[in-house]
């Protein structure tokens, strides 16, 4: 059993109103949510019109500024990914939201794939990427040796709640 130290106590003010902690996982050296929501309950935390990554909303000044700044951030992220790219430009974005990064990468010659658990966000992403975004259960069908992973921080967040979490990683 690994030692877990509380890093931060926080409250979800956006959707659930629940209190939770970020704890340090001493075995792997990253932060994880505690308590971890069940696989069945997890989608509830993203069901909000205020969650910009799943709606593409531009209703408020904040949302408009967010979208403006995101354009530059996506190009910087793509430049970083390009610096690690091999000749095969295949990209998998786990937790891709509405697919903006995938769309940007696709415009610059990448063959893109996305995994997005939220159906509403996945539908928006598929319109932007010519149906390149799939449900989480499709992740294990990808050949991990032929893909560059994007959103590694988000990948770890999603990875924590999968029952077969090591099944995918043992192939990497």
N, C-alpha and C. Protein backbone atom coordinates (compact mmCIF):
# COMPACT_ATOMS: atom_id res chain seq x y z
N UNK A 1 0.84 -1.18 0.00
CA UNK A 1 0.00 0.00 0.00
C UNK A 1 0.88 1.24 0.00
N UNK A 2 0.62 2.18 -0.93
CA UNK A 2 1.44 3.37 -1.00
C UNK A 2 0.97 4.43 -0.02
N UNK A 3 1.90 5.27 0.37
CA UNK A 3 1.62 6.37 1.28
C UNK A 3 1.04 7.53 0.47
N UNK A 4 -0.09 8.08 0.89
CA UNK A 4 -0.70 9.20 0.19
C UNK A 4 -0.79 10.39 1.14
N UNK A 5 -0.22 11.51 0.71
CA UNK A 5 -0.21 12.73 1.49
C UNK A 5 -1.13 13.75 0.82
N UNK A 6 -1.96 14.40 1.61
CA UNK A 6 -2.86 15.42 1.05
C UNK A 6 -2.04 16.61 0.59
N UNK A 7 -2.20 16.97 -0.67
CA UNK A 7 -1.52 18.11 -1.27
C UNK A 7 -2.42 19.35 -1.19
N UNK A 8 -3.73 19.14 -1.42
CA UNK A 8 -4.65 20.26 -1.46
C UNK A 8 -6.08 19.76 -1.23
N UNK A 9 -6.84 20.49 -0.42
CA UNK A 9 -8.27 20.20 -0.23
C UNK A 9 -9.04 21.25 -1.01
N UNK A 10 -9.99 20.81 -1.82
CA UNK A 10 -10.74 21.74 -2.67
C UNK A 10 -12.22 21.36 -2.73
N UNK A 11 -13.00 22.28 -3.27
CA UNK A 11 -14.43 22.06 -3.46
C UNK A 11 -14.74 22.27 -4.94
N UNK A 12 -15.57 21.41 -5.49
CA UNK A 12 -16.04 21.56 -6.87
C UNK A 12 -17.18 22.57 -6.85
N UNK A 13 -16.89 23.80 -7.23
CA UNK A 13 -17.90 24.85 -7.24
C UNK A 13 -18.69 24.86 -8.54
N UNK A 14 -18.26 24.11 -9.53
CA UNK A 14 -18.87 24.15 -10.85
C UNK A 14 -20.10 23.26 -10.98
N UNK A 15 -19.99 22.00 -10.56
CA UNK A 15 -21.07 21.05 -10.84
C UNK A 15 -21.61 20.37 -9.59
N UNK A 16 -20.77 19.61 -8.91
CA UNK A 16 -21.26 18.72 -7.85
C UNK A 16 -21.36 19.37 -6.47
N UNK A 17 -20.55 20.37 -6.20
CA UNK A 17 -20.50 20.97 -4.87
C UNK A 17 -19.76 20.12 -3.85
N UNK A 18 -19.18 19.01 -4.30
CA UNK A 18 -18.50 18.08 -3.40
C UNK A 18 -17.10 18.58 -3.03
N UNK A 19 -16.66 18.17 -1.84
CA UNK A 19 -15.29 18.41 -1.41
C UNK A 19 -14.45 17.21 -1.81
N UNK A 20 -13.20 17.47 -2.19
CA UNK A 20 -12.29 16.38 -2.50
C UNK A 20 -10.86 16.83 -2.22
N UNK A 21 -9.95 15.91 -2.29
CA UNK A 21 -8.53 16.20 -2.05
C UNK A 21 -7.71 15.80 -3.26
N UNK A 22 -6.63 16.50 -3.45
CA UNK A 22 -5.57 16.05 -4.35
C UNK A 22 -4.51 15.46 -3.44
N UNK A 23 -4.20 14.20 -3.64
CA UNK A 23 -3.22 13.51 -2.79
C UNK A 23 -2.03 13.10 -3.63
N UNK A 24 -0.87 13.11 -3.02
CA UNK A 24 0.35 12.70 -3.70
C UNK A 24 0.46 11.18 -3.64
N UNK A 25 0.58 10.57 -4.81
CA UNK A 25 0.79 9.14 -4.90
C UNK A 25 2.30 8.92 -4.84
N UNK A 26 2.78 8.44 -3.70
CA UNK A 26 4.23 8.32 -3.50
C UNK A 26 4.85 7.25 -4.39
N UNK A 27 4.08 6.26 -4.80
CA UNK A 27 4.61 5.20 -5.66
C UNK A 27 4.93 5.71 -7.06
N UNK A 28 4.05 6.56 -7.61
CA UNK A 28 4.24 7.03 -8.98
C UNK A 28 4.62 8.50 -9.07
N UNK A 29 4.50 9.26 -7.98
CA UNK A 29 4.94 10.64 -7.97
C UNK A 29 4.01 11.63 -8.64
N UNK A 30 2.72 11.33 -8.73
CA UNK A 30 1.79 12.29 -9.30
C UNK A 30 0.64 12.52 -8.33
N UNK A 31 -0.16 13.55 -8.62
CA UNK A 31 -1.33 13.85 -7.80
C UNK A 31 -2.53 13.09 -8.34
N UNK A 32 -3.39 12.65 -7.43
CA UNK A 32 -4.62 12.01 -7.86
C UNK A 32 -5.78 12.49 -6.99
N UNK A 33 -6.96 12.41 -7.55
CA UNK A 33 -8.17 12.84 -6.86
C UNK A 33 -8.58 11.80 -5.83
N UNK A 34 -8.98 12.28 -4.65
CA UNK A 34 -9.48 11.38 -3.62
C UNK A 34 -10.68 12.04 -2.95
N UNK A 35 -11.79 11.35 -2.84
CA UNK A 35 -12.01 10.00 -3.35
C UNK A 35 -12.18 10.03 -4.87
N UNK A 36 -11.81 8.94 -5.51
CA UNK A 36 -11.95 8.84 -6.95
C UNK A 36 -13.39 8.45 -7.29
N UNK A 37 -14.01 9.20 -8.21
CA UNK A 37 -15.38 8.84 -8.59
C UNK A 37 -15.40 7.52 -9.35
N UNK A 38 -16.51 6.84 -9.26
CA UNK A 38 -16.66 5.59 -10.01
C UNK A 38 -16.75 5.89 -11.50
N UNK A 39 -16.51 4.89 -12.29
CA UNK A 39 -16.59 5.02 -13.75
C UNK A 39 -17.99 5.50 -14.16
N UNK A 40 -19.00 5.02 -13.46
CA UNK A 40 -20.38 5.38 -13.78
C UNK A 40 -20.69 6.83 -13.40
N UNK A 41 -20.09 7.32 -12.34
CA UNK A 41 -20.38 8.66 -11.84
C UNK A 41 -19.53 9.75 -12.51
N UNK A 42 -18.39 9.38 -13.06
CA UNK A 42 -17.45 10.36 -13.61
C UNK A 42 -18.07 11.32 -14.63
N UNK A 43 -18.88 10.86 -15.58
CA UNK A 43 -19.43 11.80 -16.57
C UNK A 43 -20.24 12.94 -15.96
N UNK A 44 -20.83 12.73 -14.79
CA UNK A 44 -21.63 13.78 -14.15
C UNK A 44 -20.81 15.03 -13.86
N UNK A 45 -19.51 14.87 -13.62
CA UNK A 45 -18.66 16.00 -13.27
C UNK A 45 -18.39 16.92 -14.46
N UNK A 46 -18.72 16.47 -15.65
CA UNK A 46 -18.47 17.26 -16.85
C UNK A 46 -19.76 17.74 -17.51
N UNK A 47 -20.90 17.42 -16.91
CA UNK A 47 -22.20 17.79 -17.48
C UNK A 47 -22.58 19.20 -17.04
N UNK A 48 -22.07 20.17 -17.76
CA UNK A 48 -22.38 21.56 -17.44
C UNK A 48 -22.14 22.42 -18.67
N UNK A 49 -23.06 23.33 -18.92
CA UNK A 49 -22.87 24.28 -20.01
C UNK A 49 -21.69 25.21 -19.74
N UNK A 50 -21.26 25.26 -18.48
CA UNK A 50 -20.14 26.12 -18.11
C UNK A 50 -18.79 25.46 -18.32
N UNK A 51 -18.77 24.18 -18.70
CA UNK A 51 -17.51 23.48 -18.93
C UNK A 51 -17.12 23.72 -20.39
N UNK A 52 -16.30 24.73 -20.63
CA UNK A 52 -16.00 25.22 -21.97
C UNK A 52 -15.41 24.14 -22.87
N UNK A 53 -14.59 23.26 -22.32
CA UNK A 53 -13.94 22.24 -23.13
C UNK A 53 -14.92 21.25 -23.75
N UNK A 54 -16.15 21.24 -23.28
CA UNK A 54 -17.14 20.31 -23.82
C UNK A 54 -18.27 20.99 -24.58
N UNK A 55 -18.27 22.31 -24.65
CA UNK A 55 -19.40 22.99 -25.28
C UNK A 55 -19.03 23.96 -26.39
N UNK A 56 -17.85 24.50 -26.39
CA UNK A 56 -17.46 25.55 -27.34
C UNK A 56 -18.27 26.83 -27.16
N UNK A 57 -18.84 27.04 -25.99
CA UNK A 57 -19.66 28.22 -25.72
C UNK A 57 -18.84 29.50 -25.81
N UNK A 58 -19.48 30.54 -26.34
CA UNK A 58 -18.87 31.87 -26.42
C UNK A 58 -19.90 32.90 -25.95
N UNK A 59 -20.53 32.63 -24.80
CA UNK A 59 -21.62 33.47 -24.30
C UNK A 59 -21.11 34.68 -23.53
N UNK A 60 -20.02 34.51 -22.81
CA UNK A 60 -19.53 35.58 -21.93
C UNK A 60 -18.19 36.11 -22.45
N UNK A 61 -17.78 37.23 -21.89
CA UNK A 61 -16.48 37.79 -22.25
C UNK A 61 -15.37 36.80 -21.92
N UNK A 62 -15.47 36.14 -20.76
CA UNK A 62 -14.47 35.15 -20.37
C UNK A 62 -14.37 34.04 -21.42
N UNK A 63 -15.50 33.52 -21.86
CA UNK A 63 -15.49 32.44 -22.84
C UNK A 63 -14.91 32.90 -24.17
N UNK A 64 -15.20 34.13 -24.57
CA UNK A 64 -14.65 34.67 -25.82
C UNK A 64 -13.14 34.83 -25.72
N UNK A 65 -12.66 35.34 -24.60
CA UNK A 65 -11.21 35.48 -24.39
C UNK A 65 -10.55 34.11 -24.36
N UNK A 66 -11.19 33.16 -23.70
CA UNK A 66 -10.67 31.78 -23.64
C UNK A 66 -10.44 31.24 -25.05
N UNK A 67 -11.41 31.38 -25.93
CA UNK A 67 -11.28 30.87 -27.30
C UNK A 67 -10.20 31.61 -28.08
N UNK A 68 -10.08 32.90 -27.86
CA UNK A 68 -9.04 33.68 -28.54
C UNK A 68 -7.65 33.23 -28.11
N UNK A 69 -7.44 33.09 -26.81
CA UNK A 69 -6.14 32.68 -26.28
C UNK A 69 -5.83 31.23 -26.67
N UNK A 70 -6.85 30.41 -26.73
CA UNK A 70 -6.66 28.99 -27.06
C UNK A 70 -6.03 28.79 -28.44
N UNK A 71 -6.34 29.64 -29.40
CA UNK A 71 -5.77 29.51 -30.74
C UNK A 71 -4.25 29.54 -30.68
N UNK A 72 -3.68 30.50 -29.97
CA UNK A 72 -2.23 30.58 -29.83
C UNK A 72 -1.66 29.43 -29.03
N UNK A 73 -2.37 29.03 -27.99
CA UNK A 73 -1.91 27.92 -27.15
C UNK A 73 -1.88 26.62 -27.94
N UNK A 74 -2.86 26.40 -28.80
CA UNK A 74 -2.90 25.18 -29.61
C UNK A 74 -1.73 25.13 -30.59
N UNK A 75 -1.39 26.27 -31.17
CA UNK A 75 -0.26 26.30 -32.10
C UNK A 75 1.06 26.04 -31.37
N UNK A 76 1.20 26.59 -30.16
CA UNK A 76 2.41 26.32 -29.37
C UNK A 76 2.49 24.84 -29.00
N UNK A 77 1.37 24.27 -28.63
CA UNK A 77 1.34 22.85 -28.30
C UNK A 77 1.71 22.01 -29.52
N UNK A 78 1.20 22.39 -30.68
CA UNK A 78 1.52 21.66 -31.91
C UNK A 78 3.01 21.78 -32.23
N UNK A 79 3.59 22.95 -32.03
CA UNK A 79 5.03 23.11 -32.25
C UNK A 79 5.83 22.19 -31.33
N UNK A 80 5.40 22.07 -30.09
CA UNK A 80 6.07 21.16 -29.16
C UNK A 80 5.95 19.71 -29.64
N UNK A 81 4.76 19.31 -30.02
CA UNK A 81 4.54 17.95 -30.53
C UNK A 81 5.38 17.71 -31.79
N UNK A 82 5.44 18.70 -32.67
CA UNK A 82 6.24 18.57 -33.90
C UNK A 82 7.71 18.34 -33.60
N UNK A 83 8.21 18.90 -32.51
CA UNK A 83 9.62 18.73 -32.17
C UNK A 83 9.95 17.28 -31.79
N UNK A 84 8.95 16.49 -31.44
CA UNK A 84 9.15 15.09 -31.09
C UNK A 84 8.69 14.13 -32.18
N UNK A 85 8.12 14.66 -33.24
CA UNK A 85 7.48 13.82 -34.25
C UNK A 85 8.47 13.02 -35.08
N UNK A 86 8.04 11.84 -35.44
CA UNK A 86 8.78 11.02 -36.39
C UNK A 86 8.20 11.30 -37.77
N UNK A 87 8.61 10.51 -38.76
CA UNK A 87 8.07 10.72 -40.10
C UNK A 87 6.57 10.43 -40.15
N UNK A 88 6.14 9.43 -39.38
CA UNK A 88 4.71 9.13 -39.30
C UNK A 88 4.08 10.09 -38.32
N UNK A 89 3.20 10.93 -38.80
CA UNK A 89 2.59 11.93 -37.94
C UNK A 89 1.19 11.47 -37.53
N UNK A 90 1.16 10.50 -36.60
CA UNK A 90 -0.09 9.98 -36.06
C UNK A 90 -0.23 10.45 -34.63
N UNK A 91 -1.38 11.02 -34.30
CA UNK A 91 -1.57 11.63 -32.99
C UNK A 91 -2.84 11.11 -32.33
N UNK A 92 -2.73 10.72 -31.07
CA UNK A 92 -3.88 10.33 -30.26
C UNK A 92 -4.01 11.31 -29.11
N UNK A 93 -5.14 11.98 -29.03
CA UNK A 93 -5.41 12.93 -27.95
C UNK A 93 -6.47 12.31 -27.04
N UNK A 94 -6.06 11.92 -25.85
CA UNK A 94 -6.97 11.29 -24.89
C UNK A 94 -7.59 12.38 -24.03
N UNK A 95 -8.91 12.45 -24.03
CA UNK A 95 -9.61 13.53 -23.34
C UNK A 95 -9.60 14.78 -24.20
N UNK A 96 -9.95 14.62 -25.47
CA UNK A 96 -9.77 15.69 -26.46
C UNK A 96 -10.84 16.77 -26.43
N UNK A 97 -11.84 16.64 -25.56
CA UNK A 97 -12.87 17.67 -25.49
C UNK A 97 -13.57 17.83 -26.82
N UNK A 98 -13.69 19.07 -27.28
CA UNK A 98 -14.39 19.33 -28.54
C UNK A 98 -13.46 19.26 -29.76
N UNK A 99 -12.26 18.76 -29.59
CA UNK A 99 -11.39 18.44 -30.71
C UNK A 99 -10.60 19.57 -31.32
N UNK A 100 -10.46 20.68 -30.63
CA UNK A 100 -9.76 21.81 -31.23
C UNK A 100 -8.29 21.53 -31.52
N UNK A 101 -7.61 20.84 -30.60
CA UNK A 101 -6.21 20.52 -30.86
C UNK A 101 -6.09 19.52 -32.01
N UNK A 102 -6.98 18.55 -32.05
CA UNK A 102 -6.96 17.60 -33.17
C UNK A 102 -7.19 18.31 -34.50
N UNK A 103 -8.12 19.23 -34.52
CA UNK A 103 -8.40 19.98 -35.73
C UNK A 103 -7.18 20.79 -36.17
N UNK A 104 -6.51 21.43 -35.23
CA UNK A 104 -5.30 22.19 -35.54
C UNK A 104 -4.22 21.27 -36.10
N UNK A 105 -4.00 20.13 -35.44
CA UNK A 105 -2.98 19.19 -35.90
C UNK A 105 -3.32 18.64 -37.29
N UNK A 106 -4.59 18.37 -37.51
CA UNK A 106 -5.03 17.86 -38.81
C UNK A 106 -4.76 18.88 -39.92
N UNK A 107 -4.95 20.15 -39.62
CA UNK A 107 -4.69 21.20 -40.60
C UNK A 107 -3.21 21.30 -40.97
N UNK A 108 -2.34 20.78 -40.10
CA UNK A 108 -0.90 20.81 -40.35
C UNK A 108 -0.37 19.43 -40.72
N UNK A 109 -1.22 18.58 -41.27
CA UNK A 109 -0.76 17.32 -41.85
C UNK A 109 -0.72 16.11 -40.95
N UNK A 110 -1.24 16.20 -39.75
CA UNK A 110 -1.25 15.05 -38.86
C UNK A 110 -2.47 14.18 -39.14
N UNK A 111 -2.30 12.88 -38.99
CA UNK A 111 -3.40 11.93 -38.98
C UNK A 111 -3.83 11.84 -37.52
N UNK A 112 -5.04 12.27 -37.20
CA UNK A 112 -5.43 12.42 -35.80
C UNK A 112 -6.52 11.44 -35.38
N UNK A 113 -6.47 11.10 -34.11
CA UNK A 113 -7.48 10.28 -33.45
C UNK A 113 -7.71 10.87 -32.07
N UNK A 114 -8.92 10.81 -31.60
CA UNK A 114 -9.23 11.31 -30.27
C UNK A 114 -10.06 10.33 -29.49
N UNK A 115 -9.92 10.42 -28.17
CA UNK A 115 -10.76 9.67 -27.24
C UNK A 115 -11.45 10.71 -26.36
N UNK A 116 -12.77 10.66 -26.31
CA UNK A 116 -13.52 11.60 -25.48
C UNK A 116 -14.73 10.89 -24.88
N UNK A 117 -14.77 10.78 -23.54
CA UNK A 117 -15.89 10.09 -22.90
C UNK A 117 -17.23 10.83 -22.98
N UNK A 118 -17.21 12.16 -23.06
CA UNK A 118 -18.44 12.94 -23.07
C UNK A 118 -19.05 12.95 -24.47
N UNK A 119 -20.28 12.45 -24.59
CA UNK A 119 -20.93 12.30 -25.90
C UNK A 119 -21.13 13.65 -26.60
N UNK A 120 -21.54 14.67 -25.87
CA UNK A 120 -21.76 15.98 -26.48
C UNK A 120 -20.46 16.55 -27.04
N UNK A 121 -19.40 16.49 -26.27
CA UNK A 121 -18.10 16.99 -26.73
C UNK A 121 -17.59 16.15 -27.90
N UNK A 122 -17.79 14.83 -27.83
CA UNK A 122 -17.34 13.93 -28.89
C UNK A 122 -18.05 14.25 -30.21
N UNK A 123 -19.34 14.55 -30.15
CA UNK A 123 -20.08 14.91 -31.37
C UNK A 123 -19.52 16.18 -32.00
N UNK A 124 -19.23 17.18 -31.18
CA UNK A 124 -18.65 18.42 -31.70
C UNK A 124 -17.28 18.14 -32.30
N UNK A 125 -16.47 17.34 -31.61
CA UNK A 125 -15.12 17.01 -32.09
C UNK A 125 -15.18 16.26 -33.42
N UNK A 126 -16.13 15.36 -33.56
CA UNK A 126 -16.24 14.60 -34.81
C UNK A 126 -16.62 15.48 -35.99
N UNK A 127 -17.38 16.52 -35.75
CA UNK A 127 -17.70 17.47 -36.83
C UNK A 127 -16.45 18.23 -37.27
N UNK A 128 -15.54 18.48 -36.34
CA UNK A 128 -14.32 19.22 -36.65
C UNK A 128 -13.24 18.35 -37.28
N UNK A 129 -13.30 17.04 -37.05
CA UNK A 129 -12.18 16.16 -37.45
C UNK A 129 -12.59 15.05 -38.41
N UNK A 130 -13.71 15.17 -39.05
CA UNK A 130 -14.19 14.14 -39.96
C UNK A 130 -14.29 12.77 -39.27
N UNK A 131 -14.94 12.74 -38.13
CA UNK A 131 -15.22 11.51 -37.38
C UNK A 131 -13.98 10.75 -36.93
N UNK A 132 -13.05 11.45 -36.33
CA UNK A 132 -11.80 10.84 -35.83
C UNK A 132 -11.79 10.67 -34.32
N UNK A 133 -12.92 10.87 -33.65
CA UNK A 133 -12.97 10.83 -32.19
C UNK A 133 -13.90 9.70 -31.74
N UNK A 134 -13.44 8.95 -30.73
CA UNK A 134 -14.13 7.73 -30.32
C UNK A 134 -14.39 7.70 -28.82
N UNK A 135 -15.26 6.78 -28.42
CA UNK A 135 -15.54 6.55 -27.00
C UNK A 135 -14.31 5.94 -26.34
N UNK A 136 -14.25 6.04 -25.02
CA UNK A 136 -13.11 5.53 -24.25
C UNK A 136 -12.86 4.05 -24.50
N UNK A 137 -13.92 3.27 -24.65
CA UNK A 137 -13.74 1.82 -24.82
C UNK A 137 -12.97 1.47 -26.09
N UNK A 138 -12.84 2.40 -27.02
CA UNK A 138 -12.10 2.15 -28.26
C UNK A 138 -10.59 2.32 -28.09
N UNK A 139 -10.15 2.86 -26.96
CA UNK A 139 -8.73 3.15 -26.75
C UNK A 139 -7.84 1.93 -26.94
N UNK A 140 -8.26 0.80 -26.44
CA UNK A 140 -7.41 -0.39 -26.49
C UNK A 140 -7.26 -0.95 -27.90
N UNK A 141 -8.01 -0.44 -28.86
CA UNK A 141 -7.90 -0.91 -30.24
C UNK A 141 -6.78 -0.21 -31.01
N UNK A 142 -6.22 0.87 -30.43
CA UNK A 142 -5.14 1.59 -31.09
C UNK A 142 -3.81 0.89 -30.86
N UNK A 143 -2.93 0.95 -31.85
CA UNK A 143 -1.57 0.43 -31.70
C UNK A 143 -0.73 1.52 -31.05
N UNK A 144 -0.38 1.37 -29.78
CA UNK A 144 0.34 2.45 -29.08
C UNK A 144 1.72 2.73 -29.65
N UNK A 145 2.30 1.80 -30.39
CA UNK A 145 3.63 2.03 -30.96
C UNK A 145 3.59 2.96 -32.16
N UNK A 146 2.41 3.19 -32.72
CA UNK A 146 2.33 4.02 -33.92
C UNK A 146 1.72 5.39 -33.65
N UNK A 147 1.52 5.72 -32.38
CA UNK A 147 0.87 6.98 -32.05
C UNK A 147 1.71 7.82 -31.10
N UNK A 148 1.61 9.12 -31.24
CA UNK A 148 2.19 10.03 -30.27
C UNK A 148 1.05 10.49 -29.37
N UNK A 149 1.22 10.35 -28.08
CA UNK A 149 0.17 10.74 -27.14
C UNK A 149 0.22 12.24 -26.87
N UNK A 150 -0.92 12.85 -26.92
CA UNK A 150 -1.06 14.25 -26.55
C UNK A 150 -1.79 14.33 -25.22
N UNK A 151 -1.80 15.49 -24.61
CA UNK A 151 -2.56 15.70 -23.39
C UNK A 151 -2.15 14.73 -22.31
N UNK A 152 -0.87 14.54 -22.10
CA UNK A 152 -0.43 13.50 -21.17
C UNK A 152 -0.97 13.73 -19.77
N UNK A 153 -1.06 14.97 -19.34
CA UNK A 153 -1.63 15.25 -18.02
C UNK A 153 -3.08 14.81 -17.94
N UNK A 154 -3.84 15.09 -18.97
CA UNK A 154 -5.24 14.66 -18.98
C UNK A 154 -5.32 13.14 -19.08
N UNK A 155 -4.40 12.56 -19.83
CA UNK A 155 -4.37 11.10 -19.96
C UNK A 155 -4.26 10.47 -18.58
N UNK A 156 -3.39 10.99 -17.71
CA UNK A 156 -3.24 10.43 -16.38
C UNK A 156 -4.52 10.59 -15.58
N UNK A 157 -5.20 11.70 -15.74
CA UNK A 157 -6.45 11.93 -15.03
C UNK A 157 -7.50 10.88 -15.41
N UNK A 158 -7.64 10.63 -16.68
CA UNK A 158 -8.61 9.64 -17.15
C UNK A 158 -8.13 8.24 -16.81
N UNK A 159 -6.86 8.00 -16.93
CA UNK A 159 -6.26 6.69 -16.67
C UNK A 159 -6.57 6.18 -15.27
N UNK A 160 -6.62 7.09 -14.30
CA UNK A 160 -6.83 6.69 -12.91
C UNK A 160 -8.14 5.96 -12.69
N UNK A 161 -9.15 6.23 -13.48
CA UNK A 161 -10.47 5.67 -13.20
C UNK A 161 -10.78 4.42 -14.01
N UNK A 162 -9.89 4.00 -14.88
CA UNK A 162 -10.16 2.80 -15.67
C UNK A 162 -9.91 1.55 -14.86
N UNK A 163 -10.81 0.60 -14.97
CA UNK A 163 -10.62 -0.66 -14.26
C UNK A 163 -9.40 -1.41 -14.78
N UNK A 164 -9.22 -1.44 -16.08
CA UNK A 164 -8.11 -2.17 -16.69
C UNK A 164 -6.97 -1.22 -17.01
N UNK A 165 -6.62 -0.39 -16.06
CA UNK A 165 -5.66 0.68 -16.31
C UNK A 165 -4.31 0.20 -16.80
N UNK A 166 -3.83 -0.93 -16.38
CA UNK A 166 -2.49 -1.36 -16.79
C UNK A 166 -2.51 -2.11 -18.11
N UNK A 167 -3.67 -2.51 -18.57
CA UNK A 167 -3.78 -3.26 -19.83
C UNK A 167 -3.23 -2.45 -21.00
N UNK A 168 -3.56 -1.16 -21.06
CA UNK A 168 -3.07 -0.31 -22.13
C UNK A 168 -1.58 0.01 -21.96
N UNK A 169 -1.19 0.37 -20.74
CA UNK A 169 0.18 0.81 -20.51
C UNK A 169 1.21 -0.28 -20.71
N UNK A 170 0.85 -1.52 -20.49
CA UNK A 170 1.83 -2.59 -20.66
C UNK A 170 2.24 -2.75 -22.12
N UNK A 171 1.44 -2.21 -23.04
CA UNK A 171 1.76 -2.28 -24.47
C UNK A 171 2.66 -1.13 -24.91
N UNK A 172 2.80 -0.11 -24.08
CA UNK A 172 3.59 1.08 -24.46
C UNK A 172 5.08 0.83 -24.34
